[in-house]
Structures are given as C-alpha cells and as structure tokens.
C-alpha cells in the first residue's frame, strides 16, 4: 500500500464547494467514496495498479483512469470550469487608523502561504 494525494484544481476552500469522489479498482469494485477537503484527498492504494476516479463538482464530472506507480505521490486533476473563477472574491480595504475610510488606489501584493 502507498499513501498518495489527489489534488483537484478549480474547487473551493476548506469544505466549501468540494467534489464528491468515488474510486474503483481495476475490477470496477468501489473502494472509496467521500468528499475532498481543500481540493485534496489523501488515501492509501496498492502500487502498480489502475484505478478509476469519478469526481463530481456542481454539474461537472471527471471520469478518468489513473495508475499508481512506485515513485509518484501526487496526482493532479482539473475541473474545466473553476468555481473560484465563477465567484470572484471581493473585499473592501480600509485605512488602519480610519476604519471608515476606503483605500481607493495603491499597490497590493498578495502571495500564497
């Protein structure tokens, strides 16, 4: 058995807007059923075997076979229509000293942790 991580792009954060997933072995027997968390799923699967993945998010479906080998630890899957792209995040930035004064211009640099 090998611990692997399935990463799904185009999903939400934490437990919001996540994919419902099913994983079948090569005999088409259901071996896992559940939801992703933070766009990821960790589980243990047998090495050198093929698995079928079904993932559903909103009305989009990923139905694909993947192979677990000895070296690879992460597998990346992409939903064509990203939930985050469809629901942009907006926020109001205010001055530190004047809480009701919105900042109208300037430069904001964001980075991922």
PDB file of N, CA and C in Angstrom:
ATOM      1  N   UNK A   1       0.840  -1.180   0.000  1.00  0.00           N
ATOM      2  CA  UNK A   1       0.000   0.000   0.000  1.00  0.00           C
ATOM      3  C   UNK A   1       0.888   1.247   0.000  1.00  0.00           C
ATOM      4  N   UNK A   2       0.389   2.264  -0.679  1.00  0.00           N
ATOM      5  CA  UNK A   2       1.151   3.505  -0.793  1.00  0.00           C
ATOM      6  C   UNK A   2       0.218   4.683  -0.540  1.00  0.00           C
ATOM      7  N   UNK A   3       0.678   5.636   0.279  1.00  0.00           N
ATOM      8  CA  UNK A   3      -0.108   6.829   0.559  1.00  0.00           C
ATOM      9  C   UNK A   3       0.077   7.824  -0.581  1.00  0.00           C
ATOM     10  N   UNK A   4      -1.039   8.222  -1.200  1.00  0.00           N
ATOM     11  CA  UNK A   4      -0.989   9.183  -2.303  1.00  0.00           C
ATOM     12  C   UNK A   4      -1.934  10.343  -2.024  1.00  0.00           C
ATOM     13  N   UNK A   5      -1.730  11.417  -2.773  1.00  0.00           N
ATOM     14  CA  UNK A   5      -2.583  12.595  -2.654  1.00  0.00           C
ATOM     15  C   UNK A   5      -3.161  12.920  -4.025  1.00  0.00           C
ATOM     16  N   UNK A   6      -4.483  13.077  -4.076  1.00  0.00           N
ATOM     17  CA  UNK A   6      -5.166  13.512  -5.284  1.00  0.00           C
ATOM     18  C   UNK A   6      -5.495  14.988  -5.098  1.00  0.00           C
ATOM     19  N   UNK A   7      -5.051  15.815  -6.032  1.00  0.00           N
ATOM     20  CA  UNK A   7      -5.256  17.256  -5.946  1.00  0.00           C
ATOM     21  C   UNK A   7      -6.183  17.677  -7.083  1.00  0.00           C
ATOM     22  N   UNK A   8      -7.219  18.425  -6.731  1.00  0.00           N
ATOM     23  CA  UNK A   8      -8.205  18.890  -7.703  1.00  0.00           C
ATOM     24  C   UNK A   8      -8.141  20.407  -7.780  1.00  0.00           C
ATOM     25  N   UNK A   9      -7.882  20.938  -8.976  1.00  0.00           N
ATOM     26  CA  UNK A   9      -7.906  22.389  -9.150  1.00  0.00           C
ATOM     27  C   UNK A   9      -9.311  22.810  -9.564  1.00  0.00           C
ATOM     28  N   UNK A  10      -9.675  24.026  -9.209  1.00  0.00           N
ATOM     29  CA  UNK A  10     -10.979  24.544  -9.575  1.00  0.00           C
ATOM     30  C   UNK A  10     -12.035  24.357  -8.515  1.00  0.00           C
ATOM     31  N   UNK A  11     -11.640  23.946  -7.312  1.00  0.00           N
ATOM     32  CA  UNK A  11     -12.600  23.778  -6.229  1.00  0.00           C
ATOM     33  C   UNK A  11     -12.453  24.918  -5.230  1.00  0.00           C
ATOM     34  N   UNK A  12     -13.332  24.941  -4.223  1.00  0.00           N
ATOM     35  CA  UNK A  12     -13.316  25.979  -3.197  1.00  0.00           C
ATOM     36  C   UNK A  12     -12.298  25.697  -2.106  1.00  0.00           C
ATOM     37  N   UNK A  13     -12.502  26.363  -0.973  1.00  0.00           N
ATOM     38  CA  UNK A  13     -11.590  26.242   0.161  1.00  0.00           C
ATOM     39  C   UNK A  13     -12.251  25.490   1.302  1.00  0.00           C
ATOM     40  N   UNK A  14     -11.416  24.844   2.119  1.00  0.00           N
ATOM     41  CA  UNK A  14     -11.871  24.041   3.258  1.00  0.00           C
ATOM     42  C   UNK A  14     -12.940  23.057   2.791  1.00  0.00           C
ATOM     43  N   UNK A  15     -14.136  23.083   3.391  1.00  0.00           N
ATOM     44  CA  UNK A  15     -15.152  22.117   2.977  1.00  0.00           C
ATOM     45  C   UNK A  15     -16.211  22.735   2.066  1.00  0.00           C
ATOM     46  N   UNK A  16     -16.018  23.962   1.597  1.00  0.00           N
ATOM     47  CA  UNK A  16     -16.983  24.625   0.716  1.00  0.00           C
ATOM     48  C   UNK A  16     -16.664  24.338  -0.751  1.00  0.00           C
ATOM     49  N   UNK A  17     -17.690  24.039  -1.510  1.00  0.00           N
ATOM     50  CA  UNK A  17     -17.582  23.795  -2.961  1.00  0.00           C
ATOM     51  C   UNK A  17     -16.581  22.684  -3.277  1.00  0.00           C
ATOM     52  N   UNK A  18     -16.691  21.561  -2.605  1.00  0.00           N
ATOM     53  CA  UNK A  18     -15.785  20.447  -2.806  1.00  0.00           C
ATOM     54  C   UNK A  18     -16.401  19.392  -3.724  1.00  0.00           C
ATOM     55  N   UNK A  19     -15.573  18.472  -4.173  1.00  0.00           N
ATOM     56  CA  UNK A  19     -16.008  17.423  -5.098  1.00  0.00           C
ATOM     57  C   UNK A  19     -16.388  16.160  -4.339  1.00  0.00           C
ATOM     58  N   UNK A  20     -17.437  15.520  -4.791  1.00  0.00           N
ATOM     59  CA  UNK A  20     -17.839  14.212  -4.287  1.00  0.00           C
ATOM     60  C   UNK A  20     -17.102  13.173  -5.136  1.00  0.00           C
ATOM     61  N   UNK A  21     -16.320  12.315  -4.516  1.00  0.00           N
ATOM     62  CA  UNK A  21     -15.457  11.399  -5.269  1.00  0.00           C
ATOM     63  C   UNK A  21     -15.762   9.934  -4.972  1.00  0.00           C
ATOM     64  N   UNK A  22     -15.545   9.123  -5.998  1.00  0.00           N
ATOM     65  CA  UNK A  22     -15.604   7.669  -5.873  1.00  0.00           C
ATOM     66  C   UNK A  22     -14.372   7.106  -6.570  1.00  0.00           C
ATOM     67  N   UNK A  23     -13.765   6.092  -5.973  1.00  0.00           N
ATOM     68  CA  UNK A  23     -12.614   5.433  -6.581  1.00  0.00           C
ATOM     69  C   UNK A  23     -12.909   3.940  -6.670  1.00  0.00           C
ATOM     70  N   UNK A  24     -12.682   3.392  -7.880  1.00  0.00           N
ATOM     71  CA  UNK A  24     -12.913   1.980  -8.151  1.00  0.00           C
ATOM     72  C   UNK A  24     -11.589   1.314  -8.488  1.00  0.00           C
ATOM     73  N   UNK A  25     -11.441   0.046  -8.117  1.00  0.00           N
ATOM     74  CA  UNK A  25     -10.234  -0.687  -8.507  1.00  0.00           C
ATOM     75  C   UNK A  25     -10.395  -1.214  -9.932  1.00  0.00           C
ATOM     76  N   UNK A  26      -9.419  -1.983 -10.408  1.00  0.00           N
ATOM     77  CA  UNK A  26      -9.434  -2.459 -11.797  1.00  0.00           C
ATOM     78  C   UNK A  26     -10.564  -3.447 -12.067  1.00  0.00           C
ATOM     79  N   UNK A  27     -11.149  -4.033 -11.020  1.00  0.00           N
ATOM     80  CA  UNK A  27     -12.297  -4.937 -11.163  1.00  0.00           C
ATOM     81  C   UNK A  27     -13.619  -4.186 -11.067  1.00  0.00           C
ATOM     82  N   UNK A  28     -13.566  -2.856 -11.101  1.00  0.00           N
ATOM     83  CA  UNK A  28     -14.727  -1.974 -11.021  1.00  0.00           C
ATOM     84  C   UNK A  28     -15.474  -2.105  -9.695  1.00  0.00           C
ATOM     85  N   UNK A  29     -14.720  -2.413  -8.625  1.00  0.00           N
ATOM     86  CA  UNK A  29     -15.292  -2.503  -7.282  1.00  0.00           C
ATOM     87  C   UNK A  29     -15.018  -1.183  -6.564  1.00  0.00           C
ATOM     88  N   UNK A  30     -16.064  -0.610  -5.969  1.00  0.00           N
ATOM     89  CA  UNK A  30     -15.933   0.654  -5.243  1.00  0.00           C
ATOM     90  C   UNK A  30     -15.063   0.448  -4.007  1.00  0.00           C
ATOM     91  N   UNK A  31     -13.952   1.234  -3.906  1.00  0.00           N
ATOM     92  CA  UNK A  31     -13.062   1.101  -2.751  1.00  0.00           C
ATOM     93  C   UNK A  31     -13.011   2.365  -1.901  1.00  0.00           C
ATOM     94  N   UNK A  32     -13.508   3.487  -2.442  1.00  0.00           N
ATOM     95  CA  UNK A  32     -13.553   4.721  -1.657  1.00  0.00           C
ATOM     96  C   UNK A  32     -14.703   5.589  -2.147  1.00  0.00           C
ATOM     97  N   UNK A  33     -15.356   6.263  -1.194  1.00  0.00           N
ATOM     98  CA  UNK A  33     -16.428   7.185  -1.515  1.00  0.00           C
ATOM     99  C   UNK A  33     -16.409   8.294  -0.472  1.00  0.00           C
ATOM    100  N   UNK A  34     -16.335   9.532  -0.916  1.00  0.00           N
ATOM    101  CA  UNK A  34     -16.313  10.640   0.025  1.00  0.00           C
ATOM    102  C   UNK A  34     -16.083  11.967  -0.673  1.00  0.00           C
ATOM    103  N   UNK A  35     -15.860  13.010   0.131  1.00  0.00           N
ATOM    104  CA  UNK A  35     -15.653  14.357  -0.396  1.00  0.00           C
ATOM    105  C   UNK A  35     -14.213  14.792  -0.197  1.00  0.00           C
ATOM    106  N   UNK A  36     -13.784  15.691  -1.061  1.00  0.00           N
ATOM    107  CA  UNK A  36     -12.462  16.283  -0.905  1.00  0.00           C
ATOM    108  C   UNK A  36     -12.521  17.338   0.194  1.00  0.00           C
ATOM    109  N   UNK A  37     -11.367  17.729   0.677  1.00  0.00           N
ATOM    110  CA  UNK A  37     -11.259  18.830   1.627  1.00  0.00           C
ATOM    111  C   UNK A  37     -10.143  19.729   1.143  1.00  0.00           C
ATOM    112  N   UNK A  38     -10.462  20.997   0.945  1.00  0.00           N
ATOM    113  CA  UNK A  38      -9.479  21.954   0.434  1.00  0.00           C
ATOM    114  C   UNK A  38      -8.955  21.545  -0.940  1.00  0.00           C
ATOM    115  N   UNK A  39      -9.783  20.846  -1.710  1.00  0.00           N
ATOM    116  CA  UNK A  39      -9.393  20.424  -3.052  1.00  0.00           C
ATOM    117  C   UNK A  39      -8.438  19.251  -3.074  1.00  0.00           C
ATOM    118  N   UNK A  40      -8.296  18.548  -1.954  1.00  0.00           N
ATOM    119  CA  UNK A  40      -7.355  17.430  -1.873  1.00  0.00           C
ATOM    120  C   UNK A  40      -8.007  16.209  -1.243  1.00  0.00           C
ATOM    121  N   UNK A  41      -7.389  15.073  -1.529  1.00  0.00           N
ATOM    122  CA  UNK A  41      -7.844  13.804  -0.996  1.00  0.00           C
ATOM    123  C   UNK A  41      -6.616  12.930  -0.784  1.00  0.00           C
ATOM    124  N   UNK A  42      -6.428  12.432   0.431  1.00  0.00           N
ATOM    125  CA  UNK A  42      -5.299  11.535   0.723  1.00  0.00           C
ATOM    126  C   UNK A  42      -5.837  10.157   1.052  1.00  0.00           C
ATOM    127  N   UNK A  43      -5.242   9.136   0.454  1.00  0.00           N
ATOM    128  CA  UNK A  43      -5.629   7.771   0.739  1.00  0.00           C
ATOM    129  C   UNK A  43      -4.508   6.809   0.397  1.00  0.00           C
ATOM    130  N   UNK A  44      -4.645   5.588   0.847  1.00  0.00           N
ATOM    131  CA  UNK A  44      -3.654   4.545   0.578  1.00  0.00           C
ATOM    132  C   UNK A  44      -4.208   3.587  -0.479  1.00  0.00           C
ATOM    133  N   UNK A  45      -3.413   3.393  -1.528  1.00  0.00           N
ATOM    134  CA  UNK A  45      -3.788   2.492  -2.613  1.00  0.00           C
ATOM    135  C   UNK A  45      -2.624   1.562  -2.908  1.00  0.00           C
ATOM    136  N   UNK A  46      -2.919   0.442  -3.548  1.00  0.00           N
ATOM    137  CA  UNK A  46      -1.874  -0.521  -3.898  1.00  0.00           C
ATOM    138  C   UNK A  46      -1.030   0.004  -5.047  1.00  0.00           C
ATOM    139  N   UNK A  47       0.281  -0.229  -4.947  1.00  0.00           N
ATOM    140  CA  UNK A  47       1.207   0.173  -6.018  1.00  0.00           C
ATOM    141  C   UNK A  47       0.994  -0.689  -7.249  1.00  0.00           C
ATOM    142  N   UNK A  48       1.379  -0.134  -8.403  1.00  0.00           N
ATOM    143  CA  UNK A  48       1.320  -0.830  -9.692  1.00  0.00           C
ATOM    144  C   UNK A  48      -0.080  -1.331 -10.035  1.00  0.00           C
ATOM    145  N   UNK A  49      -1.079  -0.496  -9.734  1.00  0.00           N
ATOM    146  CA  UNK A  49      -2.471  -0.826 -10.059  1.00  0.00           C
ATOM    147  C   UNK A  49      -3.155   0.364 -10.705  1.00  0.00           C
ATOM    148  N   UNK A  50      -4.187   0.063 -11.502  1.00  0.00           N
ATOM    149  CA  UNK A  50      -5.001   1.101 -12.125  1.00  0.00           C
ATOM    150  C   UNK A  50      -6.258   1.318 -11.300  1.00  0.00           C
ATOM    151  N   UNK A  51      -6.687   2.556 -11.256  1.00  0.00           N
ATOM    152  CA  UNK A  51      -7.896   2.921 -10.522  1.00  0.00           C
ATOM    153  C   UNK A  51      -8.720   3.873 -11.375  1.00  0.00           C
ATOM    154  N   UNK A  52     -10.027   3.788 -11.191  1.00  0.00           N
ATOM    155  CA  UNK A  52     -10.931   4.695 -11.891  1.00  0.00           C
ATOM    156  C   UNK A  52     -11.449   5.724 -10.898  1.00  0.00           C
ATOM    157  N   UNK A  53     -11.361   6.974 -11.283  1.00  0.00           N
ATOM    158  CA  UNK A  53     -11.804   8.076 -10.443  1.00  0.00           C
ATOM    159  C   UNK A  53     -13.045   8.711 -11.041  1.00  0.00           C
ATOM    160  N   UNK A  54     -14.063   8.889 -10.219  1.00  0.00           N
ATOM    161  CA  UNK A  54     -15.245   9.670 -10.564  1.00  0.00           C
ATOM    162  C   UNK A  54     -15.315  10.814  -9.569  1.00  0.00           C
ATOM    163  N   UNK A  55     -15.284  12.039 -10.063  1.00  0.00           N
ATOM    164  CA  UNK A  55     -15.388  13.203  -9.193  1.00  0.00           C
ATOM    165  C   UNK A  55     -16.450  14.132  -9.760  1.00  0.00           C
ATOM    166  N   UNK A  56     -17.344  14.597  -8.896  1.00  0.00           N
ATOM    167  CA  UNK A  56     -18.446  15.452  -9.332  1.00  0.00           C
ATOM    168  C   UNK A  56     -18.401  16.744  -8.522  1.00  0.00           C
ATOM    169  N   UNK A  57     -18.401  17.865  -9.239  1.00  0.00           N
ATOM    170  CA  UNK A  57     -18.471  19.174  -8.614  1.00  0.00           C
ATOM    171  C   UNK A  57     -19.474  20.007  -9.398  1.00  0.00           C
ATOM    172  N   UNK A  58     -20.506  20.452  -8.712  1.00  0.00           N
ATOM    173  CA  UNK A  58     -21.639  21.126  -9.362  1.00  0.00           C
ATOM    174  C   UNK A  58     -22.179  20.199 -10.441  1.00  0.00           C
ATOM    175  N   UNK A  59     -22.157  20.593 -11.699  1.00  0.00           N
ATOM    176  CA  UNK A  59     -22.667  19.722 -12.760  1.00  0.00           C
ATOM    177  C   UNK A  59     -21.549  19.190 -13.650  1.00  0.00           C
ATOM    178  N   UNK A  60     -20.318  19.266 -13.183  1.00  0.00           N
ATOM    179  CA  UNK A  60     -19.171  18.804 -13.971  1.00  0.00           C
ATOM    180  C   UNK A  60     -18.636  17.490 -13.398  1.00  0.00           C
ATOM    181  N   UNK A  61     -18.259  16.575 -14.289  1.00  0.00           N
ATOM    182  CA  UNK A  61     -17.803  15.244 -13.884  1.00  0.00           C
ATOM    183  C   UNK A  61     -16.422  14.961 -14.452  1.00  0.00           C
ATOM    184  N   UNK A  62     -15.547  14.435 -13.606  1.00  0.00           N
ATOM    185  CA  UNK A  62     -14.267  13.888 -14.063  1.00  0.00           C
ATOM    186  C   UNK A  62     -14.400  12.371 -13.937  1.00  0.00           C
ATOM    187  N   UNK A  63     -14.228  11.666 -15.027  1.00  0.00           N
ATOM    188  CA  UNK A  63     -14.280  10.209 -15.042  1.00  0.00           C
ATOM    189  C   UNK A  63     -13.032   9.743 -15.778  1.00  0.00           C
ATOM    190  N   UNK A  64     -12.029   9.286 -15.026  1.00  0.00           N
ATOM    191  CA  UNK A  64     -10.730   9.008 -15.614  1.00  0.00           C
ATOM    192  C   UNK A  64     -10.048   7.849 -14.883  1.00  0.00           C
ATOM    193  N   UNK A  65      -9.217   7.140 -15.626  1.00  0.00           N
ATOM    194  CA  UNK A  65      -8.387   6.090 -15.039  1.00  0.00           C
ATOM    195  C   UNK A  65      -7.012   6.675 -14.730  1.00  0.00           C
ATOM    196  N   UNK A  66      -6.402   6.242 -13.628  1.00  0.00           N
ATOM    197  CA  UNK A  66      -5.032   6.637 -13.319  1.00  0.00           C
ATOM    198  C   UNK A  66      -4.279   5.442 -12.738  1.00  0.00           C
ATOM    199  N   UNK A  67      -2.965   5.494 -12.872  1.00  0.00           N
ATOM    200  CA  UNK A  67      -2.094   4.388 -12.476  1.00  0.00           C
ATOM    201  C   UNK A  67      -1.228   4.824 -11.306  1.00  0.00           C
ATOM    202  N   UNK A  68      -1.211   4.016 -10.255  1.00  0.00           N
ATOM    203  CA  UNK A  68      -0.370   4.298  -9.086  1.00  0.00           C
ATOM    204  C   UNK A  68       0.935   3.532  -9.258  1.00  0.00           C
ATOM    205  N   UNK A  69       2.030   4.294  -9.412  1.00  0.00           N
ATOM    206  CA  UNK A  69       3.333   3.642  -9.559  1.00  0.00           C
ATOM    207  C   UNK A  69       4.150   3.769  -8.271  1.00  0.00           C
ATOM    208  N   UNK A  70       5.401   3.352  -8.319  1.00  0.00           N
ATOM    209  CA  UNK A  70       6.240   3.325  -7.125  1.00  0.00           C
ATOM    210  C   UNK A  70       6.711   4.702  -6.682  1.00  0.00           C
ATOM    211  N   UNK A  71       6.904   5.623  -7.627  1.00  0.00           N
ATOM    212  CA  UNK A  71       7.554   6.892  -7.300  1.00  0.00           C
ATOM    213  C   UNK A  71       6.604   8.074  -7.124  1.00  0.00           C
ATOM    214  N   UNK A  72       5.547   8.121  -7.860  1.00  0.00           N
ATOM    215  CA  UNK A  72       4.682   9.301  -7.847  1.00  0.00           C
ATOM    216  C   UNK A  72       3.808   9.337  -6.588  1.00  0.00           C
ATOM    217  N   UNK A  73       3.752  10.513  -5.936  1.00  0.00           N
ATOM    218  CA  UNK A  73       2.982  10.660  -4.699  1.00  0.00           C
ATOM    219  C   UNK A  73       1.751  11.539  -4.872  1.00  0.00           C
ATOM    220  N   UNK A  74       1.750  12.424  -5.878  1.00  0.00           N
ATOM    221  CA  UNK A  74       0.634  13.348  -6.100  1.00  0.00           C
ATOM    222  C   UNK A  74       0.083  13.181  -7.514  1.00  0.00           C
ATOM    223  N   UNK A  75      -1.229  13.281  -7.620  1.00  0.00           N
ATOM    224  CA  UNK A  75      -1.908  13.193  -8.905  1.00  0.00           C
ATOM    225  C   UNK A  75      -2.812  14.412  -9.018  1.00  0.00           C
ATOM    226  N   UNK A  76      -2.714  15.120 -10.127  1.00  0.00           N
ATOM    227  CA  UNK A  76      -3.435  16.375 -10.321  1.00  0.00           C
ATOM    228  C   UNK A  76      -4.578  16.187 -11.319  1.00  0.00           C
ATOM    229  N   UNK A  77      -5.776  16.662 -10.931  1.00  0.00           N
ATOM    230  CA  UNK A  77      -6.954  16.598 -11.788  1.00  0.00           C
ATOM    231  C   UNK A  77      -7.562  17.994 -11.834  1.00  0.00           C
ATOM    232  N   UNK A  78      -8.099  18.367 -12.991  1.00  0.00           N
ATOM    233  CA  UNK A  78      -8.607  19.731 -13.164  1.00  0.00           C
ATOM    234  C   UNK A  78     -10.050  19.720 -13.615  1.00  0.00           C
ATOM    235  N   UNK A  79     -10.867  20.500 -12.904  1.00  0.00           N
ATOM    236  CA  UNK A  79     -12.214  20.761 -13.374  1.00  0.00           C
ATOM    237  C   UNK A  79     -12.130  21.902 -14.376  1.00  0.00           C
ATOM    238  N   UNK A  80     -12.761  21.727 -15.534  1.00  0.00           N
ATOM    239  CA  UNK A  80     -12.662  22.735 -16.597  1.00  0.00           C
ATOM    240  C   UNK A  80     -13.218  24.079 -16.161  1.00  0.00           C
ATOM    241  N   UNK A  81     -14.350  24.076 -15.498  1.00  0.00           N
ATOM    242  CA  UNK A  81     -14.955  25.321 -15.054  1.00  0.00           C
ATOM    243  C   UNK A  81     -14.668  25.488 -13.564  1.00  0.00           C
ATOM    244  N   UNK A  82     -13.822  26.413 -13.248  1.00  0.00           N
ATOM    245  CA  UNK A  82     -13.415  26.635 -11.868  1.00  0.00           C
ATOM    246  C   UNK A  82     -14.515  27.352 -11.099  1.00  0.00           C
ATOM    247  N   UNK A  83     -14.813  26.859  -9.913  1.00  0.00           N
ATOM    248  CA  UNK A  83     -15.803  27.512  -9.049  1.00  0.00           C
ATOM    249  C   UNK A  83     -15.286  28.867  -8.601  1.00  0.00           C
ATOM    250  N   UNK A  84     -14.018  28.948  -8.321  1.00  0.00           N
ATOM    251  CA  UNK A  84     -13.433  30.204  -7.850  1.00  0.00           C
ATOM    252  C   UNK A  84     -13.459  31.256  -8.948  1.00  0.00           C
ATOM    253  N   UNK A  85     -13.214  30.867 -10.190  1.00  0.00           N
ATOM    254  CA  UNK A  85     -13.273  31.823 -11.291  1.00  0.00           C
ATOM    255  C   UNK A  85     -14.692  32.343 -11.503  1.00  0.00           C
ATOM    256  N   UNK A  86     -15.690  31.515 -11.229  1.00  0.00           N
ATOM    257  CA  UNK A  86     -17.078  31.934 -11.413  1.00  0.00           C
ATOM    258  C   UNK A  86     -17.589  32.808 -10.276  1.00  0.00           C
ATOM    259  N   UNK A  87     -16.976  32.718  -9.116  1.00  0.00           N
ATOM    260  CA  UNK A  87     -17.368  33.507  -7.955  1.00  0.00           C
ATOM    261  C   UNK A  87     -16.157  34.297  -7.470  1.00  0.00           C
ATOM    262  N   UNK A  88     -15.863  35.441  -8.086  1.00  0.00           N
ATOM    263  CA  UNK A  88     -14.674  36.187  -7.676  1.00  0.00           C
ATOM    264  C   UNK A  88     -14.800  36.693  -6.248  1.00  0.00           C
ATOM    265  N   UNK A  89     -13.684  36.776  -5.586  1.00  0.00           N
ATOM    266  CA  UNK A  89     -13.634  37.251  -4.212  1.00  0.00           C
ATOM    267  C   UNK A  89     -13.403  38.753  -4.239  1.00  0.00           C
ATOM    268  N   UNK A  90     -14.266  39.492  -3.564  1.00  0.00           N
ATOM    269  CA  UNK A  90     -14.105  40.940  -3.474  1.00  0.00           C
ATOM    270  C   UNK A  90     -14.032  41.326  -2.005  1.00  0.00           C
ATOM    271  N   UNK A  91     -13.329  42.387  -1.712  1.00  0.00           N
ATOM    272  CA  UNK A  91     -13.238  42.870  -0.346  1.00  0.00           C
ATOM    273  C   UNK A  91     -13.014  44.367  -0.355  1.00  0.00           C
ATOM    274  N   UNK A  92     -13.304  44.998   0.779  1.00  0.00           N
ATOM    275  CA  UNK A  92     -13.135  46.433   0.941  1.00  0.00           C
ATOM    276  C   UNK A  92     -11.923  46.657   1.836  1.00  0.00           C
ATOM    277  N   UNK A  93     -10.948  47.378   1.340  1.00  0.00           N
ATOM    278  CA  UNK A  93      -9.730  47.667   2.077  1.00  0.00           C
ATOM    279  C   UNK A  93      -9.847  49.060   2.677  1.00  0.00           C
ATOM    280  N   UNK A  94      -9.691  49.154   3.990  1.00  0.00           N
ATOM    281  CA  UNK A  94      -9.813  50.447   4.669  1.00  0.00           C
ATOM    282  C   UNK A  94      -8.505  50.837   5.327  1.00  0.00           C
ATOM    283  N   UNK A  95      -8.397  52.090   5.661  1.00  0.00           N
ATOM    284  CA  UNK A  95      -7.215  52.639   6.322  1.00  0.00           C
ATOM    285  C   UNK A  95      -7.115  52.083   7.743  1.00  0.00           C
ATOM    286  N   UNK A  96      -5.889  51.839   8.190  1.00  0.00           N
ATOM    287  CA  UNK A  96      -5.648  51.280   9.524  1.00  0.00           C
ATOM    288  C   UNK A  96      -6.144  52.218  10.628  1.00  0.00           C
ATOM    289  N   UNK A  97      -5.893  53.500  10.471  1.00  0.00           N
ATOM    290  CA  UNK A  97      -6.238  54.475  11.506  1.00  0.00           C
ATOM    291  C   UNK A  97      -7.661  55.014  11.377  1.00  0.00           C
ATOM    292  N   UNK A  98      -8.225  55.003  10.175  1.00  0.00           N
ATOM    293  CA  UNK A  98      -9.581  55.498   9.934  1.00  0.00           C
ATOM    294  C   UNK A  98     -10.409  54.355   9.342  1.00  0.00           C
ATOM    295  N   UNK A  99     -11.155  53.663  10.178  1.00  0.00           N
ATOM    296  CA  UNK A  99     -11.828  52.425   9.747  1.00  0.00           C
ATOM    297  C   UNK A  99     -12.891  52.640   8.673  1.00  0.00           C
ATOM    298  N   UNK A 100     -13.463  53.824   8.561  1.00  0.00           N
ATOM    299  CA  UNK A 100     -14.491  54.062   7.545  1.00  0.00           C
ATOM    300  C   UNK A 100     -13.942  54.693   6.275  1.00  0.00           C
ATOM    301  N   UNK A 101     -12.638  54.842   6.188  1.00  0.00           N
ATOM    302  CA  UNK A 101     -12.028  55.475   5.023  1.00  0.00           C
ATOM    303  C   UNK A 101     -11.511  54.393   4.065  1.00  0.00           C
ATOM    304  N   UNK A 102     -12.196  54.175   2.925  1.00  0.00           N
ATOM    305  CA  UNK A 102     -11.714  53.150   1.983  1.00  0.00           C
ATOM    306  C   UNK A 102     -10.464  53.615   1.239  1.00  0.00           C
ATOM    307  N   UNK A 103      -9.601  52.676   0.951  1.00  0.00           N
ATOM    308  CA  UNK A 103      -8.400  52.968   0.173  1.00  0.00           C
ATOM    309  C   UNK A 103      -8.785  52.860  -1.300  1.00  0.00           C
ATOM    310  N   UNK A 104      -8.563  53.921  -2.053  1.00  0.00           N
ATOM    311  CA  UNK A 104      -9.012  53.970  -3.438  1.00  0.00           C
ATOM    312  C   UNK A 104      -7.943  53.594  -4.443  1.00  0.00           C
ATOM    313  N   UNK A 105      -6.680  53.805  -4.118  1.00  0.00           N
ATOM    314  CA  UNK A 105      -5.621  53.435  -5.063  1.00  0.00           C
ATOM    315  C   UNK A 105      -4.365  53.062  -4.292  1.00  0.00           C
ATOM    316  N   UNK A 106      -3.496  52.390  -4.991  1.00  0.00           N
ATOM    317  CA  UNK A 106      -2.261  51.921  -4.386  1.00  0.00           C
ATOM    318  C   UNK A 106      -1.881  50.577  -4.966  1.00  0.00           C
ATOM    319  N   UNK A 107      -0.889  49.956  -4.391  1.00  0.00           N
ATOM    320  CA  UNK A 107      -0.404  48.660  -4.862  1.00  0.00           C
ATOM    321  C   UNK A 107      -0.560  47.645  -3.757  1.00  0.00           C
ATOM    322  N   UNK A 108      -1.157  46.507  -4.091  1.00  0.00           N
ATOM    323  CA  UNK A 108      -1.387  45.433  -3.143  1.00  0.00           C
ATOM    324  C   UNK A 108      -0.724  44.176  -3.694  1.00  0.00           C
ATOM    325  N   UNK A 109       0.192  43.598  -2.931  1.00  0.00           N
ATOM    326  CA  UNK A 109       0.907  42.399  -3.355  1.00  0.00           C
ATOM    327  C   UNK A 109       0.421  41.236  -2.498  1.00  0.00           C
ATOM    328  N   UNK A 110      -0.105  40.187  -3.156  1.00  0.00           N
ATOM    329  CA  UNK A 110      -0.613  39.015  -2.479  1.00  0.00           C
ATOM    330  C   UNK A 110       0.267  37.826  -2.802  1.00  0.00           C
ATOM    331  N   UNK A 111       0.358  36.879  -1.876  1.00  0.00           N
ATOM    332  CA  UNK A 111       1.116  35.658  -2.122  1.00  0.00           C
ATOM    333  C   UNK A 111       0.441  34.516  -1.382  1.00  0.00           C
ATOM    334  N   UNK A 112       0.749  33.315  -1.818  1.00  0.00           N
ATOM    335  CA  UNK A 112       0.191  32.126  -1.197  1.00  0.00           C
ATOM    336  C   UNK A 112       1.075  31.652  -0.078  1.00  0.00           C
ATOM    337  N   UNK A 113       0.459  31.123   0.984  1.00  0.00           N
ATOM    338  CA  UNK A 113       1.235  30.546   2.080  1.00  0.00           C
ATOM    339  C   UNK A 113       1.664  29.161   1.733  1.00  0.00           C
TER     340      UNK A 113
END
